[in-house]
PDB file of N, CA and C in Angstrom:
ATOM      1  N   UNK A   1    -134.894  52.499  80.065  1.00  0.00           N
ATOM      2  CA  UNK A   1    -133.975  53.587  80.438  1.00  0.00           C
ATOM      3  C   UNK A   1    -132.806  53.319  80.234  1.00  0.00           C
ATOM      4  N   UNK A   2    -132.179  54.650  79.400  1.00  0.00           N
ATOM      5  CA  UNK A   2    -130.885  54.917  79.168  1.00  0.00           C
ATOM      6  C   UNK A   2    -129.949  54.824  80.354  1.00  0.00           C
ATOM      7  N   UNK A   3    -128.790  54.403  80.143  1.00  0.00           N
ATOM      8  CA  UNK A   3    -127.554  54.459  80.937  1.00  0.00           C
ATOM      9  C   UNK A   3    -127.434  56.233  81.226  1.00  0.00           C
ATOM     10  N   UNK A   4    -127.234  56.552  82.548  1.00  0.00           N
ATOM     11  CA  UNK A   4    -126.576  57.851  82.540  1.00  0.00           C
ATOM     12  C   UNK A   4    -125.219  57.773  82.489  1.00  0.00           C
ATOM     13  N   UNK A   5    -124.654  58.818  81.632  1.00  0.00           N
ATOM     14  CA  UNK A   5    -122.694  58.510  81.390  1.00  0.00           C
ATOM     15  C   UNK A   5    -122.226  58.872  83.072  1.00  0.00           C
ATOM     16  N   UNK A   6    -121.366  58.913  83.750  1.00  0.00           N
ATOM     17  CA  UNK A   6    -120.986  59.288  84.571  1.00  0.00           C
ATOM     18  C   UNK A   6    -120.054  60.425  84.337  1.00  0.00           C
ATOM     19  N   UNK A   7    -119.190  61.504  84.731  1.00  0.00           N
ATOM     20  CA  UNK A   7    -118.230  62.432  84.471  1.00  0.00           C
ATOM     21  C   UNK A   7    -117.770  63.109  86.055  1.00  0.00           C
ATOM     22  N   UNK A   8    -117.035  63.044  86.445  1.00  0.00           N
ATOM     23  CA  UNK A   8    -116.251  63.582  87.705  1.00  0.00           C
ATOM     24  C   UNK A   8    -116.471  65.129  87.784  1.00  0.00           C
ATOM     25  N   UNK A   9    -117.252  65.843  86.746  1.00  0.00           N
ATOM     26  CA  UNK A   9    -117.623  67.205  87.123  1.00  0.00           C
ATOM     27  C   UNK A   9    -119.037  67.392  87.128  1.00  0.00           C
ATOM     28  N   UNK A  10    -120.072  66.210  86.905  1.00  0.00           N
ATOM     29  CA  UNK A  10    -121.368  66.604  87.541  1.00  0.00           C
ATOM     30  C   UNK A  10    -121.163  66.095  89.031  1.00  0.00           C
ATOM     31  N   UNK A  11    -120.829  65.860  89.915  1.00  0.00           N
ATOM     32  CA  UNK A  11    -120.481  65.475  91.443  1.00  0.00           C
ATOM     33  C   UNK A  11    -119.908  66.841  91.936  1.00  0.00           C
ATOM     34  N   UNK A  12    -119.750  67.808  91.413  1.00  0.00           N
ATOM     35  CA  UNK A  12    -119.663  68.859  92.602  1.00  0.00           C
ATOM     36  C   UNK A  12    -120.524  69.529  92.675  1.00  0.00           C
ATOM     37  N   UNK A  13    -121.294  69.862  93.869  1.00  0.00           N
ATOM     38  CA  UNK A  13    -122.384  70.647  94.186  1.00  0.00           C
ATOM     39  C   UNK A  13    -122.102  71.631  95.536  1.00  0.00           C
ATOM     40  N   UNK A  14    -120.755  72.110  95.481  1.00  0.00           N
ATOM     41  CA  UNK A  14    -120.252  73.787  95.965  1.00  0.00           C
ATOM     42  C   UNK A  14    -119.022  73.941  94.981  1.00  0.00           C
ATOM     43  N   UNK A  15    -119.346  74.620  94.717  1.00  0.00           N
ATOM     44  CA  UNK A  15    -118.429  74.801  93.104  1.00  0.00           C
ATOM     45  C   UNK A  15    -117.469  75.730  94.266  1.00  0.00           C
ATOM     46  N   UNK A  16    -118.511  76.790  95.689  1.00  0.00           N
ATOM     47  CA  UNK A  16    -117.887  78.172  96.569  1.00  0.00           C
ATOM     48  C   UNK A  16    -116.366  77.248  96.871  1.00  0.00           C
ATOM     49  N   UNK A  17    -116.619  76.228  97.683  1.00  0.00           N
ATOM     50  CA  UNK A  17    -115.709  75.476  98.077  1.00  0.00           C
ATOM     51  C   UNK A  17    -114.194  75.529  97.009  1.00  0.00           C
ATOM     52  N   UNK A  18    -114.188  75.628  95.801  1.00  0.00           N
ATOM     53  CA  UNK A  18    -113.465  75.307  95.121  1.00  0.00           C
ATOM     54  C   UNK A  18    -112.788  76.900  94.448  1.00  0.00           C
ATOM     55  N   UNK A  19    -114.132  77.712  94.049  1.00  0.00           N
ATOM     56  CA  UNK A  19    -113.455  79.045  93.237  1.00  0.00           C
ATOM     57  C   UNK A  19    -114.035  79.301  94.643  1.00  0.00           C
ATOM     58  N   UNK A  20    -113.394  80.002  95.662  1.00  0.00           N
ATOM     59  CA  UNK A  20    -113.463  80.904  96.557  1.00  0.00           C
ATOM     60  C   UNK A  20    -113.960  82.389  96.299  1.00  0.00           C
ATOM     61  N   UNK A  21    -113.739  82.545  95.635  1.00  0.00           N
ATOM     62  CA  UNK A  21    -114.289  84.098  95.528  1.00  0.00           C
ATOM     63  C   UNK A  21    -115.131  84.355  94.649  1.00  0.00           C
ATOM     64  N   UNK A  22    -116.084  85.378  94.346  1.00  0.00           N
ATOM     65  CA  UNK A  22    -117.246  85.917  94.277  1.00  0.00           C
ATOM     66  C   UNK A  22    -116.714  86.395  93.328  1.00  0.00           C
ATOM     67  N   UNK A  23    -117.020  86.236  91.400  1.00  0.00           N
ATOM     68  CA  UNK A  23    -117.062  87.609  90.769  1.00  0.00           C
ATOM     69  C   UNK A  23    -118.048  88.393  90.969  1.00  0.00           C
ATOM     70  N   UNK A  24    -117.923  89.765  90.864  1.00  0.00           N
ATOM     71  CA  UNK A  24    -118.901  90.779  90.461  1.00  0.00           C
ATOM     72  C   UNK A  24    -117.920  92.095  89.758  1.00  0.00           C
ATOM     73  N   UNK A  25    -118.535  93.114  89.511  1.00  0.00           N
ATOM     74  CA  UNK A  25    -118.394  93.834  88.760  1.00  0.00           C
ATOM     75  C   UNK A  25    -117.777  94.995  89.838  1.00  0.00           C
ATOM     76  N   UNK A  26    -117.705  95.281  91.200  1.00  0.00           N
ATOM     77  CA  UNK A  26    -116.861  96.219  91.548  1.00  0.00           C
ATOM     78  C   UNK A  26    -115.861  95.950  92.092  1.00  0.00           C
ATOM     79  N   UNK A  27    -115.390  94.783  92.215  1.00  0.00           N
ATOM     80  CA  UNK A  27    -114.020  94.416  92.731  1.00  0.00           C
ATOM     81  C   UNK A  27    -112.929  93.772  91.658  1.00  0.00           C
ATOM     82  N   UNK A  28    -111.905  94.819  91.287  1.00  0.00           N
ATOM     83  CA  UNK A  28    -111.360  94.234  89.935  1.00  0.00           C
ATOM     84  C   UNK A  28    -110.095  92.928  90.283  1.00  0.00           C
ATOM     85  N   UNK A  29    -111.292  91.665  90.470  1.00  0.00           N
ATOM     86  CA  UNK A  29    -110.872  90.181  90.711  1.00  0.00           C
ATOM     87  C   UNK A  29    -111.181  89.641  89.460  1.00  0.00           C
ATOM     88  N   UNK A  30    -111.881  89.736  88.388  1.00  0.00           N
ATOM     89  CA  UNK A  30    -111.801  89.271  87.324  1.00  0.00           C
ATOM     90  C   UNK A  30    -110.401  88.197  86.883  1.00  0.00           C
ATOM     91  N   UNK A  31    -109.236  88.753  87.074  1.00  0.00           N
ATOM     92  CA  UNK A  31    -107.974  88.085  86.366  1.00  0.00           C
ATOM     93  C   UNK A  31    -108.286  86.951  87.860  1.00  0.00           C
ATOM     94  N   UNK A  32    -108.161  87.047  88.918  1.00  0.00           N
ATOM     95  CA  UNK A  32    -108.040  86.407  90.073  1.00  0.00           C
ATOM     96  C   UNK A  32    -109.078  84.924  90.289  1.00  0.00           C
ATOM     97  N   UNK A  33    -110.566  85.542  89.750  1.00  0.00           N
ATOM     98  CA  UNK A  33    -111.093  84.043  89.820  1.00  0.00           C
ATOM     99  C   UNK A  33    -111.583  83.539  87.923  1.00  0.00           C
ATOM    100  N   UNK A  34    -110.891  84.142  87.338  1.00  0.00           N
ATOM    101  CA  UNK A  34    -110.609  83.367  86.201  1.00  0.00           C
ATOM    102  C   UNK A  34    -110.073  82.305  85.846  1.00  0.00           C
ATOM    103  N   UNK A  35    -108.520  82.790  86.667  1.00  0.00           N
ATOM    104  CA  UNK A  35    -107.187  81.733  86.787  1.00  0.00           C
ATOM    105  C   UNK A  35    -108.225  80.570  87.603  1.00  0.00           C
ATOM    106  N   UNK A  36    -109.234  80.685  88.583  1.00  0.00           N
ATOM    107  CA  UNK A  36    -109.327  79.818  89.004  1.00  0.00           C
ATOM    108  C   UNK A  36    -109.955  79.001  88.572  1.00  0.00           C
ATOM    109  N   UNK A  37    -110.936  79.951  88.318  1.00  0.00           N
ATOM    110  CA  UNK A  37    -112.040  79.014  86.898  1.00  0.00           C
ATOM    111  C   UNK A  37    -111.657  78.564  85.968  1.00  0.00           C
ATOM    112  N   UNK A  38    -110.347  78.500  85.258  1.00  0.00           N
ATOM    113  CA  UNK A  38    -109.898  77.991  84.337  1.00  0.00           C
ATOM    114  C   UNK A  38    -108.836  76.504  85.081  1.00  0.00           C
ATOM    115  N   UNK A  39    -108.400  76.189  85.887  1.00  0.00           N
ATOM    116  CA  UNK A  39    -107.614  75.514  86.996  1.00  0.00           C
ATOM    117  C   UNK A  39    -109.084  74.766  87.117  1.00  0.00           C
ATOM    118  N   UNK A  40    -109.856  75.185  87.374  1.00  0.00           N
ATOM    119  CA  UNK A  40    -111.498  74.325  87.858  1.00  0.00           C
ATOM    120  C   UNK A  40    -111.895  73.076  86.439  1.00  0.00           C
ATOM    121  N   UNK A  41    -111.988  74.250  85.176  1.00  0.00           N
ATOM    122  CA  UNK A  41    -112.350  72.998  84.375  1.00  0.00           C
ATOM    123  C   UNK A  41    -111.368  72.814  84.052  1.00  0.00           C
ATOM    124  N   UNK A  42    -110.110  72.985  83.915  1.00  0.00           N
ATOM    125  CA  UNK A  42    -108.889  71.869  83.533  1.00  0.00           C
ATOM    126  C   UNK A  42    -108.714  70.613  83.960  1.00  0.00           C
ATOM    127  N   UNK A  43    -109.050  70.376  85.298  1.00  0.00           N
ATOM    128  CA  UNK A  43    -108.864  69.861  85.922  1.00  0.00           C
ATOM    129  C   UNK A  43    -109.975  68.054  85.667  1.00  0.00           C
ATOM    130  N   UNK A  44    -111.046  69.229  85.464  1.00  0.00           N
ATOM    131  CA  UNK A  44    -112.118  68.442  84.774  1.00  0.00           C
ATOM    132  C   UNK A  44    -112.210  68.208  83.563  1.00  0.00           C
ATOM    133  N   UNK A  45    -111.116  67.839  82.250  1.00  0.00           N
ATOM    134  CA  UNK A  45    -110.931  68.368  81.302  1.00  0.00           C
ATOM    135  C   UNK A  45    -112.447  69.156  80.792  1.00  0.00           C
ATOM    136  N   UNK A  46    -112.665  69.980  80.724  1.00  0.00           N
ATOM    137  CA  UNK A  46    -113.799  70.921  80.570  1.00  0.00           C
ATOM    138  C   UNK A  46    -113.473  72.024  79.543  1.00  0.00           C
ATOM    139  N   UNK A  47    -112.300  72.249  79.505  1.00  0.00           N
ATOM    140  CA  UNK A  47    -111.489  73.855  78.601  1.00  0.00           C
ATOM    141  C   UNK A  47    -112.277  73.901  77.403  1.00  0.00           C
ATOM    142  N   UNK A  48    -113.236  72.811  76.768  1.00  0.00           N
ATOM    143  CA  UNK A  48    -113.260  73.148  75.351  1.00  0.00           C
ATOM    144  C   UNK A  48    -114.706  73.728  75.579  1.00  0.00           C
ATOM    145  N   UNK A  49    -115.663  73.389  77.063  1.00  0.00           N
ATOM    146  CA  UNK A  49    -116.643  74.487  77.125  1.00  0.00           C
ATOM    147  C   UNK A  49    -116.784  75.703  77.156  1.00  0.00           C
ATOM    148  N   UNK A  50    -115.130  76.605  77.695  1.00  0.00           N
ATOM    149  CA  UNK A  50    -115.479  78.221  78.137  1.00  0.00           C
ATOM    150  C   UNK A  50    -114.313  78.335  76.702  1.00  0.00           C
ATOM    151  N   UNK A  51    -113.271  77.256  75.913  1.00  0.00           N
ATOM    152  CA  UNK A  51    -112.648  78.239  75.215  1.00  0.00           C
ATOM    153  C   UNK A  51    -112.419  76.882  73.858  1.00  0.00           C
ATOM    154  N   UNK A  52    -113.397  77.114  73.314  1.00  0.00           N
ATOM    155  CA  UNK A  52    -113.358  76.202  71.984  1.00  0.00           C
ATOM    156  C   UNK A  52    -111.858  76.174  71.206  1.00  0.00           C
ATOM    157  N   UNK A  53    -111.136  74.851  70.235  1.00  0.00           N
ATOM    158  CA  UNK A  53    -110.225  74.945  69.942  1.00  0.00           C
ATOM    159  C   UNK A  53    -110.167  76.106  68.633  1.00  0.00           C
ATOM    160  N   UNK A  54    -109.107  76.356  68.104  1.00  0.00           N
ATOM    161  CA  UNK A  54    -109.428  77.314  67.066  1.00  0.00           C
ATOM    162  C   UNK A  54    -108.653  76.364  65.640  1.00  0.00           C
ATOM    163  N   UNK A  55    -107.957  75.590  65.647  1.00  0.00           N
ATOM    164  CA  UNK A  55    -107.197  74.861  64.982  1.00  0.00           C
ATOM    165  C   UNK A  55    -108.261  74.305  63.874  1.00  0.00           C
ATOM    166  N   UNK A  56    -107.871  73.994  62.854  1.00  0.00           N
ATOM    167  CA  UNK A  56    -108.940  72.977  61.896  1.00  0.00           C
ATOM    168  C   UNK A  56    -108.889  71.561  62.574  1.00  0.00           C
ATOM    169  N   UNK A  57    -107.809  71.128  62.370  1.00  0.00           N
ATOM    170  CA  UNK A  57    -107.833  69.841  63.302  1.00  0.00           C
ATOM    171  C   UNK A  57    -108.621  69.443  64.875  1.00  0.00           C
ATOM    172  N   UNK A  58    -108.137  70.265  65.039  1.00  0.00           N
ATOM    173  CA  UNK A  58    -108.548  70.257  66.920  1.00  0.00           C
ATOM    174  C   UNK A  58    -109.707  70.305  67.021  1.00  0.00           C
ATOM    175  N   UNK A  59    -111.029  71.478  66.073  1.00  0.00           N
ATOM    176  CA  UNK A  59    -111.806  71.988  66.025  1.00  0.00           C
ATOM    177  C   UNK A  59    -112.444  70.689  65.207  1.00  0.00           C
ATOM    178  N   UNK A  60    -112.246  70.416  64.519  1.00  0.00           N
ATOM    179  CA  UNK A  60    -112.984  69.308  64.229  1.00  0.00           C
ATOM    180  C   UNK A  60    -113.129  67.836  64.909  1.00  0.00           C
ATOM    181  N   UNK A  61    -112.531  67.719  65.567  1.00  0.00           N
ATOM    182  CA  UNK A  61    -111.482  66.558  66.402  1.00  0.00           C
ATOM    183  C   UNK A  61    -113.348  67.065  67.417  1.00  0.00           C
ATOM    184  N   UNK A  62    -112.720  68.405  67.652  1.00  0.00           N
ATOM    185  CA  UNK A  62    -114.292  68.952  69.084  1.00  0.00           C
ATOM    186  C   UNK A  62    -115.843  68.732  68.685  1.00  0.00           C
ATOM    187  N   UNK A  63    -116.035  68.609  67.352  1.00  0.00           N
ATOM    188  CA  UNK A  63    -116.935  69.008  66.459  1.00  0.00           C
ATOM    189  C   UNK A  63    -117.563  67.647  66.283  1.00  0.00           C
ATOM    190  N   UNK A  64    -116.538  66.786  66.359  1.00  0.00           N
ATOM    191  CA  UNK A  64    -117.165  65.310  65.822  1.00  0.00           C
ATOM    192  C   UNK A  64    -117.657  65.060  67.302  1.00  0.00           C
ATOM    193  N   UNK A  65    -116.464  64.861  68.243  1.00  0.00           N
ATOM    194  CA  UNK A  65    -116.711  64.268  69.738  1.00  0.00           C
ATOM    195  C   UNK A  65    -117.951  64.392  70.288  1.00  0.00           C
ATOM    196  N   UNK A  66    -118.456  65.755  69.823  1.00  0.00           N
ATOM    197  CA  UNK A  66    -119.744  66.354  70.837  1.00  0.00           C
ATOM    198  C   UNK A  66    -120.920  66.293  69.388  1.00  0.00           C
ATOM    199  N   UNK A  67    -120.855  66.387  68.228  1.00  0.00           N
ATOM    200  CA  UNK A  67    -121.774  65.712  67.755  1.00  0.00           C
ATOM    201  C   UNK A  67    -122.232  63.663  68.231  1.00  0.00           C
ATOM    202  N   UNK A  68    -120.992  62.971  68.566  1.00  0.00           N
ATOM    203  CA  UNK A  68    -121.193  61.897  68.644  1.00  0.00           C
ATOM    204  C   UNK A  68    -122.582  61.813  70.392  1.00  0.00           C
ATOM    205  N   UNK A  69    -122.287  62.604  71.454  1.00  0.00           N
ATOM    206  CA  UNK A  69    -123.528  62.150  72.283  1.00  0.00           C
ATOM    207  C   UNK A  69    -123.845  63.612  72.689  1.00  0.00           C
ATOM    208  N   UNK A  70    -124.153  64.583  71.659  1.00  0.00           N
ATOM    209  CA  UNK A  70    -124.761  65.607  72.565  1.00  0.00           C
ATOM    210  C   UNK A  70    -125.335  66.229  73.387  1.00  0.00           C
ATOM    211  N   UNK A  71    -126.099  65.075  74.025  1.00  0.00           N
ATOM    212  CA  UNK A  71    -126.876  65.134  74.935  1.00  0.00           C
ATOM    213  C   UNK A  71    -126.210  65.265  75.795  1.00  0.00           C
ATOM    214  N   UNK A  72    -125.090  64.365  76.754  1.00  0.00           N
ATOM    215  CA  UNK A  72    -123.874  64.434  77.637  1.00  0.00           C
ATOM    216  C   UNK A  72    -123.218  65.678  77.512  1.00  0.00           C
ATOM    217  N   UNK A  73    -122.905  65.966  76.239  1.00  0.00           N
ATOM    218  CA  UNK A  73    -122.137  67.132  76.390  1.00  0.00           C
ATOM    219  C   UNK A  73    -123.058  68.468  76.332  1.00  0.00           C
ATOM    220  N   UNK A  74    -123.790  68.192  76.235  1.00  0.00           N
ATOM    221  CA  UNK A  74    -124.929  69.455  76.961  1.00  0.00           C
ATOM    222  C   UNK A  74    -125.193  69.484  77.823  1.00  0.00           C
ATOM    223  N   UNK A  75    -125.440  68.456  79.184  1.00  0.00           N
ATOM    224  CA  UNK A  75    -124.809  68.258  80.077  1.00  0.00           C
ATOM    225  C   UNK A  75    -124.176  68.493  80.754  1.00  0.00           C
ATOM    226  N   UNK A  76    -122.761  68.427  80.095  1.00  0.00           N
ATOM    227  CA  UNK A  76    -121.739  68.705  80.999  1.00  0.00           C
ATOM    228  C   UNK A  76    -121.880  70.403  80.823  1.00  0.00           C
ATOM    229  N   UNK A  77    -121.940  71.051  79.993  1.00  0.00           N
ATOM    230  CA  UNK A  77    -121.906  72.338  79.640  1.00  0.00           C
ATOM    231  C   UNK A  77    -122.631  73.009  80.422  1.00  0.00           C
ATOM    232  N   UNK A  78    -124.368  72.553  80.706  1.00  0.00           N
ATOM    233  CA  UNK A  78    -124.920  72.534  82.143  1.00  0.00           C
ATOM    234  C   UNK A  78    -124.119  73.001  83.029  1.00  0.00           C
ATOM    235  N   UNK A  79    -123.500  71.433  83.758  1.00  0.00           N
ATOM    236  CA  UNK A  79    -122.382  71.681  84.775  1.00  0.00           C
ATOM    237  C   UNK A  79    -121.521  73.283  84.728  1.00  0.00           C
ATOM    238  N   UNK A  80    -120.730  73.200  83.823  1.00  0.00           N
ATOM    239  CA  UNK A  80    -120.062  74.162  83.973  1.00  0.00           C
ATOM    240  C   UNK A  80    -120.431  75.778  83.900  1.00  0.00           C
ATOM    241  N   UNK A  81    -121.711  75.761  83.303  1.00  0.00           N
ATOM    242  CA  UNK A  81    -122.779  76.820  83.026  1.00  0.00           C
ATOM    243  C   UNK A  81    -123.532  77.412  84.769  1.00  0.00           C
ATOM    244  N   UNK A  82    -123.307  76.053  85.430  1.00  0.00           N
ATOM    245  CA  UNK A  82    -123.911  76.014  86.684  1.00  0.00           C
ATOM    246  C   UNK A  82    -122.215  76.494  87.866  1.00  0.00           C
ATOM    247  N   UNK A  83    -121.408  75.818  87.659  1.00  0.00           N
ATOM    248  CA  UNK A  83    -120.476  76.807  88.330  1.00  0.00           C
ATOM    249  C   UNK A  83    -120.187  78.235  87.842  1.00  0.00           C
ATOM    250  N   UNK A  84    -120.393  78.724  86.389  1.00  0.00           N
ATOM    251  CA  UNK A  84    -120.095  80.087  86.813  1.00  0.00           C
ATOM    252  C   UNK A  84    -121.201  81.123  87.395  1.00  0.00           C
ATOM    253  N   UNK A  85    -122.421  80.190  87.125  1.00  0.00           N
ATOM    254  CA  UNK A  85    -123.902  81.172  87.886  1.00  0.00           C
ATOM    255  C   UNK A  85    -123.509  81.203  89.413  1.00  0.00           C
ATOM    256  N   UNK A  86    -123.013  79.984  89.720  1.00  0.00           N
ATOM    257  CA  UNK A  86    -122.559  79.732  91.476  1.00  0.00           C
ATOM    258  C   UNK A  86    -121.651  80.356  91.960  1.00  0.00           C
ATOM    259  N   UNK A  87    -120.945  81.550  90.976  1.00  0.00           N
ATOM    260  CA  UNK A  87    -119.654  81.914  91.689  1.00  0.00           C
ATOM    261  C   UNK A  87    -119.569  83.290  91.052  1.00  0.00           C
ATOM    262  N   UNK A  88    -120.527  83.787  90.364  1.00  0.00           N
ATOM    263  CA  UNK A  88    -120.523  84.982  90.173  1.00  0.00           C
ATOM    264  C   UNK A  88    -121.008  85.750  91.142  1.00  0.00           C
ATOM    265  N   UNK A  89    -121.930  86.749  91.455  1.00  0.00           N
ATOM    266  CA  UNK A  89    -122.659  87.945  92.627  1.00  0.00           C
ATOM    267  C   UNK A  89    -124.142  88.069  91.851  1.00  0.00           C
ATOM    268  N   UNK A  90    -125.475  88.211  92.573  1.00  0.00           N
ATOM    269  CA  UNK A  90    -126.387  88.025  91.721  1.00  0.00           C
ATOM    270  C   UNK A  90    -126.841  88.966  90.815  1.00  0.00           C
ATOM    271  N   UNK A  91    -125.478  90.337  90.912  1.00  0.00           N
ATOM    272  CA  UNK A  91    -126.168  91.409  89.946  1.00  0.00           C
ATOM    273  C   UNK A  91    -125.419  90.871  88.808  1.00  0.00           C
ATOM    274  N   UNK A  92    -124.499  90.810  89.126  1.00  0.00           N
ATOM    275  CA  UNK A  92    -123.368  89.874  87.688  1.00  0.00           C
ATOM    276  C   UNK A  92    -124.457  89.177  87.088  1.00  0.00           C
ATOM    277  N   UNK A  93    -125.045  88.035  87.154  1.00  0.00           N
ATOM    278  CA  UNK A  93    -125.841  87.178  87.418  1.00  0.00           C
ATOM    279  C   UNK A  93    -126.659  87.270  86.236  1.00  0.00           C
ATOM    280  N   UNK A  94    -127.933  88.540  87.530  1.00  0.00           N
ATOM    281  CA  UNK A  94    -128.764  89.050  86.489  1.00  0.00           C
ATOM    282  C   UNK A  94    -128.353  90.164  85.000  1.00  0.00           C
ATOM    283  N   UNK A  95    -127.551  89.962  85.035  1.00  0.00           N
ATOM    284  CA  UNK A  95    -127.153  91.091  83.411  1.00  0.00           C
ATOM    285  C   UNK A  95    -126.294  90.301  82.932  1.00  0.00           C
ATOM    286  N   UNK A  96    -126.132  88.664  82.723  1.00  0.00           N
ATOM    287  CA  UNK A  96    -125.424  87.710  81.913  1.00  0.00           C
ATOM    288  C   UNK A  96    -126.598  86.356  81.399  1.00  0.00           C
ATOM    289  N   UNK A  97    -127.193  86.621  82.242  1.00  0.00           N
ATOM    290  CA  UNK A  97    -128.398  85.034  82.302  1.00  0.00           C
ATOM    291  C   UNK A  97    -129.459  85.482  81.565  1.00  0.00           C
ATOM    292  N   UNK A  98    -129.320  84.031  80.029  1.00  0.00           N
ATOM    293  CA  UNK A  98    -130.089  84.086  79.056  1.00  0.00           C
ATOM    294  C   UNK A  98    -130.501  82.980  78.912  1.00  0.00           C
ATOM    295  N   UNK A  99    -131.632  82.808  78.261  1.00  0.00           N
ATOM    296  CA  UNK A  99    -132.099  81.486  78.114  1.00  0.00           C
ATOM    297  C   UNK A  99    -131.764  80.782  77.154  1.00  0.00           C
ATOM    298  N   UNK A 100    -131.402  79.158  77.916  1.00  0.00           N
ATOM    299  CA  UNK A 100    -130.864  77.903  76.099  1.00  0.00           C
ATOM    300  C   UNK A 100    -129.507  78.757  76.507  1.00  0.00           C
ATOM    301  N   UNK A 101    -128.453  79.516  77.375  1.00  0.00           N
ATOM    302  CA  UNK A 101    -126.846  79.993  76.971  1.00  0.00           C
ATOM    303  C   UNK A 101    -126.375  78.251  77.171  1.00  0.00           C
ATOM    304  N   UNK A 102    -125.035  78.342  76.466  1.00  0.00           N
ATOM    305  CA  UNK A 102    -124.304  77.581  76.829  1.00  0.00           C
ATOM    306  C   UNK A 102    -122.490  77.793  77.555  1.00  0.00           C
ATOM    307  N   UNK A 103    -121.951  77.448  77.755  1.00  0.00           N
ATOM    308  CA  UNK A 103    -120.584  78.082  78.631  1.00  0.00           C
ATOM    309  C   UNK A 103    -120.075  78.921  77.818  1.00  0.00           C
TER     310      UNK A 103
END
């Protein structure tokens, strides 16, 4: 059996304690929610899952590190998606939810 890799992001079970507001379409709080969400992904060094690099050198490094362990990258991406899904309203969730989506 392969050894599971550890990343602190995989230990978060209650994202609502870290993002105490729920994003919904009816209350203009997107900027506050986005700011809190960006802090969370920065703390866990996962910003590239929501904002991929655009400069050629950084993009190449990003693609190389992603390809080096795609299964682990997908696992971390699923954690970020889980954070998004658990910090938005049910109505918004049903609007954005797609099979096999990535953060």
